[in-house]
C-alpha atoms as a PDB file:
ATOM      1  CA  UNK A   1      -1.814  -5.956  -2.162  1.00  0.00           C
ATOM      2  CA  UNK A   2      -0.309  -3.015  -3.974  1.00  0.00           C
ATOM      3  CA  UNK A   3       2.424  -3.228  -6.580  1.00  0.00           C
ATOM      4  CA  UNK A   4       4.002   0.175  -7.212  1.00  0.00           C
ATOM      5  CA  UNK A   5       5.792   1.084 -10.428  1.00  0.00           C
ATOM      6  CA  UNK A   6       8.210   3.916 -11.157  1.00  0.00           C
ATOM      7  CA  UNK A   7      10.298   4.510 -14.276  1.00  0.00           C
ATOM      8  CA  UNK A   8      13.186   2.424 -12.882  1.00  0.00           C
ATOM      9  CA  UNK A   9      11.634   0.324 -10.124  1.00  0.00           C
ATOM     10  CA  UNK A  10       8.927  -2.153  -9.203  1.00  0.00           C
ATOM     11  CA  UNK A  11       7.924  -2.321  -5.529  1.00  0.00           C
ATOM     12  CA  UNK A  12       5.979  -5.507  -4.843  1.00  0.00           C
ATOM     13  CA  UNK A  13       4.854  -7.296  -1.681  1.00  0.00           C
ATOM     14  CA  UNK A  14       7.517  -9.294   0.085  1.00  0.00           C
ATOM     15  CA  UNK A  15       7.315 -13.029  -0.660  1.00  0.00           C
ATOM     16  CA  UNK A  16       8.678 -16.085   1.164  1.00  0.00           C
ATOM     17  CA  UNK A  17      11.246 -16.494  -1.626  1.00  0.00           C
ATOM     18  CA  UNK A  18      12.698 -13.079  -0.705  1.00  0.00           C
ATOM     19  CA  UNK A  19      13.992 -14.427   2.617  1.00  0.00           C
ATOM     20  CA  UNK A  20      17.674 -14.729   1.544  1.00  0.00           C
ATOM     21  CA  UNK A  21      17.768 -11.101   0.387  1.00  0.00           C
ATOM     22  CA  UNK A  22      15.903  -9.850   3.474  1.00  0.00           C
ATOM     23  CA  UNK A  23      18.272 -11.793   5.733  1.00  0.00           C
ATOM     24  CA  UNK A  24      21.364 -10.453   3.952  1.00  0.00           C
ATOM     25  CA  UNK A  25      20.029  -6.900   4.210  1.00  0.00           C
ATOM     26  CA  UNK A  26      19.280  -7.278   7.912  1.00  0.00           C
ATOM     27  CA  UNK A  27      22.707  -8.814   8.585  1.00  0.00           C
ATOM     28  CA  UNK A  28      24.750  -6.201   6.714  1.00  0.00           C
ATOM     29  CA  UNK A  29      26.486  -3.972   9.282  1.00  0.00           C
ATOM     30  CA  UNK A  30      26.559  -0.903   6.997  1.00  0.00           C
ATOM     31  CA  UNK A  31      22.835  -1.190   6.220  1.00  0.00           C
ATOM     32  CA  UNK A  32      21.887  -1.692   9.863  1.00  0.00           C
ATOM     33  CA  UNK A  33      24.358   0.786  11.387  1.00  0.00           C
ATOM     34  CA  UNK A  34      21.624   3.247  12.407  1.00  0.00           C
ATOM     35  CA  UNK A  35      18.789   0.728  12.628  1.00  0.00           C
ATOM     36  CA  UNK A  36      19.544  -2.221  14.880  1.00  0.00           C
ATOM     37  CA  UNK A  37      22.310  -4.261  16.406  1.00  0.00           C
ATOM     38  CA  UNK A  38      23.273  -7.656  15.045  1.00  0.00           C
ATOM     39  CA  UNK A  39      20.485 -10.159  15.723  1.00  0.00           C
ATOM     40  CA  UNK A  40      20.341 -13.912  15.420  1.00  0.00           C
ATOM     41  CA  UNK A  41      18.722 -15.313  12.298  1.00  0.00           C
ATOM     42  CA  UNK A  42      15.697 -16.471  14.319  1.00  0.00           C
ATOM     43  CA  UNK A  43      14.987 -12.887  15.431  1.00  0.00           C
ATOM     44  CA  UNK A  44      15.237 -11.640  11.849  1.00  0.00           C
ATOM     45  CA  UNK A  45      12.862 -14.422  10.770  1.00  0.00           C
ATOM     46  CA  UNK A  46      10.403 -13.219  13.443  1.00  0.00           C
ATOM     47  CA  UNK A  47      10.476  -9.769  11.828  1.00  0.00           C
ATOM     48  CA  UNK A  48      10.175 -11.218   8.306  1.00  0.00           C
ATOM     49  CA  UNK A  49       7.231 -13.587   8.737  1.00  0.00           C
ATOM     50  CA  UNK A  50       4.550 -11.008   9.707  1.00  0.00           C
ATOM     51  CA  UNK A  51       5.479  -8.967   6.642  1.00  0.00           C
ATOM     52  CA  UNK A  52       4.263 -11.824   4.418  1.00  0.00           C
ATOM     53  CA  UNK A  53       0.663 -11.550   5.591  1.00  0.00           C
ATOM     54  CA  UNK A  54      -1.979 -10.118   3.277  1.00  0.00           C
ATOM     55  CA  UNK A  55      -1.972  -6.327   3.623  1.00  0.00           C
ATOM     56  CA  UNK A  56      -4.707  -3.784   2.921  1.00  0.00           C
ATOM     57  CA  UNK A  57      -4.900  -0.119   3.964  1.00  0.00           C
ATOM     58  CA  UNK A  58      -5.505  -0.050   7.695  1.00  0.00           C
ATOM     59  CA  UNK A  59      -3.706  -3.331   8.409  1.00  0.00           C
ATOM     60  CA  UNK A  60      -1.833  -3.367  11.716  1.00  0.00           C
ATOM     61  CA  UNK A  61       1.382  -4.775  10.217  1.00  0.00           C
ATOM     62  CA  UNK A  62       3.929  -3.304   7.814  1.00  0.00           C
ATOM     63  CA  UNK A  63       3.247  -2.947   4.136  1.00  0.00           C
ATOM     64  CA  UNK A  64       6.664  -4.294   3.180  1.00  0.00           C
ATOM     65  CA  UNK A  65       7.546  -3.950  -0.484  1.00  0.00           C
ATOM     66  CA  UNK A  66      10.606  -5.439  -2.122  1.00  0.00           C
ATOM     67  CA  UNK A  67      12.198  -2.868  -4.427  1.00  0.00           C
ATOM     68  CA  UNK A  68      13.595  -4.282  -7.681  1.00  0.00           C
ATOM     69  CA  UNK A  69      15.161  -2.532 -10.634  1.00  0.00           C
ATOM     70  CA  UNK A  70      13.141  -2.926 -13.823  1.00  0.00           C
ATOM     71  CA  UNK A  71      16.177  -3.521 -16.045  1.00  0.00           C
ATOM     72  CA  UNK A  72      17.497  -6.662 -14.313  1.00  0.00           C
ATOM     73  CA  UNK A  73      14.764  -7.529 -11.780  1.00  0.00           C
ATOM     74  CA  UNK A  74      17.475  -7.423  -9.118  1.00  0.00           C
ATOM     75  CA  UNK A  75      16.396  -6.789  -5.498  1.00  0.00           C
ATOM     76  CA  UNK A  76      17.713  -3.470  -4.203  1.00  0.00           C
ATOM     77  CA  UNK A  77      15.972  -2.957  -0.869  1.00  0.00           C
ATOM     78  CA  UNK A  78      12.685  -2.781   0.980  1.00  0.00           C
ATOM     79  CA  UNK A  79      10.275   0.058   1.605  1.00  0.00           C
ATOM     80  CA  UNK A  80       6.804   0.544   2.997  1.00  0.00           C
ATOM     81  CA  UNK A  81       4.751   1.891   5.852  1.00  0.00           C
ATOM     82  CA  UNK A  82       2.823   0.925   8.950  1.00  0.00           C
ATOM     83  CA  UNK A  83      -0.317   2.563  10.313  1.00  0.00           C
ATOM     84  CA  UNK A  84       0.206   4.283  13.652  1.00  0.00           C
ATOM     85  CA  UNK A  85      -3.317   5.776  13.689  1.00  0.00           C
ATOM     86  CA  UNK A  86      -6.244   5.497  11.283  1.00  0.00           C
ATOM     87  CA  UNK A  87      -4.943   8.243   9.001  1.00  0.00           C
ATOM     88  CA  UNK A  88      -1.297   8.407  10.091  1.00  0.00           C
ATOM     89  CA  UNK A  89       1.508   6.024   9.123  1.00  0.00           C
ATOM     90  CA  UNK A  90       5.255   5.698   9.551  1.00  0.00           C
ATOM     91  CA  UNK A  91       7.437   5.070   6.483  1.00  0.00           C
ATOM     92  CA  UNK A  92      10.610   3.060   6.418  1.00  0.00           C
ATOM     93  CA  UNK A  93      13.211   1.889   3.918  1.00  0.00           C
ATOM     94  CA  UNK A  94      16.452  -0.107   3.761  1.00  0.00           C
ATOM     95  CA  UNK A  95      18.702  -0.505   0.729  1.00  0.00           C
ATOM     96  CA  UNK A  96      21.628  -2.778  -0.018  1.00  0.00           C
ATOM     97  CA  UNK A  97      24.988  -0.972  -0.153  1.00  0.00           C
ATOM     98  CA  UNK A  98      25.296  -1.394  -3.931  1.00  0.00           C
ATOM     99  CA  UNK A  99      21.898   0.311  -4.381  1.00  0.00           C
ATOM    100  CA  UNK A 100      22.632   3.318  -2.164  1.00  0.00           C
ATOM    101  CA  UNK A 101      23.373   6.759  -3.589  1.00  0.00           C
ATOM    102  CA  UNK A 102      21.577   6.105  -6.887  1.00  0.00           C
ATOM    103  CA  UNK A 103      18.208   7.701  -6.147  1.00  0.00           C
ATOM    104  CA  UNK A 104      16.359   4.401  -5.611  1.00  0.00           C
ATOM    105  CA  UNK A 105      15.435   5.291  -2.038  1.00  0.00           C
ATOM    106  CA  UNK A 106      13.849   8.576  -3.089  1.00  0.00           C
ATOM    107  CA  UNK A 107      12.115   7.075  -6.124  1.00  0.00           C
ATOM    108  CA  UNK A 108      10.587   4.245  -4.093  1.00  0.00           C
ATOM    109  CA  UNK A 109       9.674   6.542  -1.178  1.00  0.00           C
ATOM    110  CA  UNK A 110       7.794   8.852  -3.546  1.00  0.00           C
ATOM    111  CA  UNK A 111       5.886   5.840  -4.875  1.00  0.00           C
ATOM    112  CA  UNK A 112       4.973   4.846  -1.305  1.00  0.00           C
ATOM    113  CA  UNK A 113       3.871   8.414  -0.502  1.00  0.00           C
ATOM    114  CA  UNK A 114       1.800   8.588  -3.693  1.00  0.00           C
ATOM    115  CA  UNK A 115       0.071   5.333  -2.785  1.00  0.00           C
ATOM    116  CA  UNK A 116      -0.453   6.220   0.889  1.00  0.00           C
ATOM    117  CA  UNK A 117      -1.973   9.611   0.110  1.00  0.00           C
ATOM    118  CA  UNK A 118      -4.106   8.576  -2.896  1.00  0.00           C
ATOM    119  CA  UNK A 119      -5.194   5.010  -2.010  1.00  0.00           C
ATOM    120  CA  UNK A 120      -4.212   4.386   1.598  1.00  0.00           C
ATOM    121  CA  UNK A 121      -6.410   6.959   3.322  1.00  0.00           C
ATOM    122  CA  UNK A 122      -3.361   8.580   4.884  1.00  0.00           C
ATOM    123  CA  UNK A 123      -3.364  12.229   5.963  1.00  0.00           C
ATOM    124  CA  UNK A 124       0.072  12.298   7.605  1.00  0.00           C
ATOM    125  CA  UNK A 125       3.269  10.295   7.134  1.00  0.00           C
ATOM    126  CA  UNK A 126       6.068  10.219   9.685  1.00  0.00           C
ATOM    127  CA  UNK A 127       9.606   8.863   9.832  1.00  0.00           C
ATOM    128  CA  UNK A 128      12.039   8.354  12.686  1.00  0.00           C
ATOM    129  CA  UNK A 129      15.750   8.446  11.879  1.00  0.00           C
ATOM    130  CA  UNK A 130      18.671   7.941  14.233  1.00  0.00           C
ATOM    131  CA  UNK A 131      20.689  11.169  14.405  1.00  0.00           C
ATOM    132  CA  UNK A 132      23.732  10.819  12.181  1.00  0.00           C
ATOM    133  CA  UNK A 133      21.959   8.921   9.413  1.00  0.00           C
ATOM    134  CA  UNK A 134      22.407  11.753   6.942  1.00  0.00           C
ATOM    135  CA  UNK A 135      21.621   9.654   3.863  1.00  0.00           C
ATOM    136  CA  UNK A 136      18.130   8.766   5.127  1.00  0.00           C
ATOM    137  CA  UNK A 137      17.586  12.339   6.260  1.00  0.00           C
ATOM    138  CA  UNK A 138      18.417  13.628   2.756  1.00  0.00           C
ATOM    139  CA  UNK A 139      16.039  11.123   1.123  1.00  0.00           C
ATOM    140  CA  UNK A 140      13.195  12.183   3.401  1.00  0.00           C
ATOM    141  CA  UNK A 141      13.820  15.905   2.892  1.00  0.00           C
ATOM    142  CA  UNK A 142      14.008  15.492  -0.907  1.00  0.00           C
ATOM    143  CA  UNK A 143      10.612  13.757  -0.745  1.00  0.00           C
ATOM    144  CA  UNK A 144       9.186  16.759   1.120  1.00  0.00           C
ATOM    145  CA  UNK A 145       9.346  15.523   4.724  1.00  0.00           C
ATOM    146  CA  UNK A 146       9.972  18.243   7.310  1.00  0.00           C
ATOM    147  CA  UNK A 147      12.169  17.833  10.371  1.00  0.00           C
ATOM    148  CA  UNK A 148       9.706  18.317  13.227  1.00  0.00           C
ATOM    149  CA  UNK A 149      11.956  17.678  16.182  1.00  0.00           C
ATOM    150  CA  UNK A 150      14.600  15.643  17.908  1.00  0.00           C
ATOM    151  CA  UNK A 151      14.073  13.208  20.744  1.00  0.00           C
ATOM    152  CA  UNK A 152      17.063  13.169  23.029  1.00  0.00           C
ATOM    153  CA  UNK A 153      18.482   9.821  24.130  1.00  0.00           C
ATOM    154  CA  UNK A 154      15.549   8.054  22.551  1.00  0.00           C
ATOM    155  CA  UNK A 155      17.142   4.945  21.062  1.00  0.00           C
ATOM    156  CA  UNK A 156      19.602   2.437  22.560  1.00  0.00           C
ATOM    157  CA  UNK A 157      21.983   1.220  19.869  1.00  0.00           C
ATOM    158  CA  UNK A 158      25.547  -0.103  19.899  1.00  0.00           C
ATOM    159  CA  UNK A 159      25.882   0.259  23.647  1.00  0.00           C
ATOM    160  CA  UNK A 160      24.818   3.873  23.917  1.00  0.00           C
ATOM    161  CA  UNK A 161      21.839   6.204  23.756  1.00  0.00           C
ATOM    162  CA  UNK A 162      21.175   8.049  20.496  1.00  0.00           C
ATOM    163  CA  UNK A 163      18.889  10.913  19.593  1.00  0.00           C
ATOM    164  CA  UNK A 164      16.167  10.438  16.976  1.00  0.00           C
ATOM    165  CA  UNK A 165      15.105  12.920  14.318  1.00  0.00           C
ATOM    166  CA  UNK A 166      11.344  13.046  13.774  1.00  0.00           C
ATOM    167  CA  UNK A 167      10.047  13.877  10.301  1.00  0.00           C
ATOM    168  CA  UNK A 168       6.531  14.501   9.044  1.00  0.00           C
ATOM    169  CA  UNK A 169       4.762  15.019   5.737  1.00  0.00           C
ATOM    170  CA  UNK A 170       1.134  16.081   5.383  1.00  0.00           C
ATOM    171  CA  UNK A 171      -0.992  15.069   2.418  1.00  0.00           C
ATOM    172  CA  UNK A 172      -1.835  18.719   1.745  1.00  0.00           C
ATOM    173  CA  UNK A 173       1.892  19.564   1.535  1.00  0.00           C
ATOM    174  CA  UNK A 174       2.937  16.664  -0.657  1.00  0.00           C
ATOM    175  CA  UNK A 175       3.929  17.314  -4.247  1.00  0.00           C
ATOM    176  CA  UNK A 176       3.731  14.041  -6.244  1.00  0.00           C
ATOM    177  CA  UNK A 177       6.675  13.129  -8.462  1.00  0.00           C
ATOM    178  CA  UNK A 178       6.323  14.344 -12.012  1.00  0.00           C
END
């Protein structure tokens, strides 16, 4: 399973010992505001467990990488992707509040894109973001993703329908981080 390194971060496969951090991330209302409603711990565990399975390019489950800072080895968030077709995958990321706004999301997303396009056999990456999540939108656009459309009333969250922004990035358009 891949371990991705950047100047400030190490992104390594999620481990069983990461459960407390994953749970805290999934239970934090600010982190999950645009992602999902509050869920019982058992439901979060159901999402966590499949992410522990061995992953190779083409696997049907998420490549879920725990993002840690290199200076203190402190967990900051999770990132990764899931195949939607043989050569197309959807990226995703979540970061703890104290790690937001510091460029970690962009740095880790670029590492995921680099891996997906050079080793993962990916031609196209996509992302779906609930309208209003401007921080995630900015991260995606800084990484080179293009807003391709908006799905109206696509996602039920917090008792109402929300629109989703759809983003895409093609391998031939991607400019690796320098």
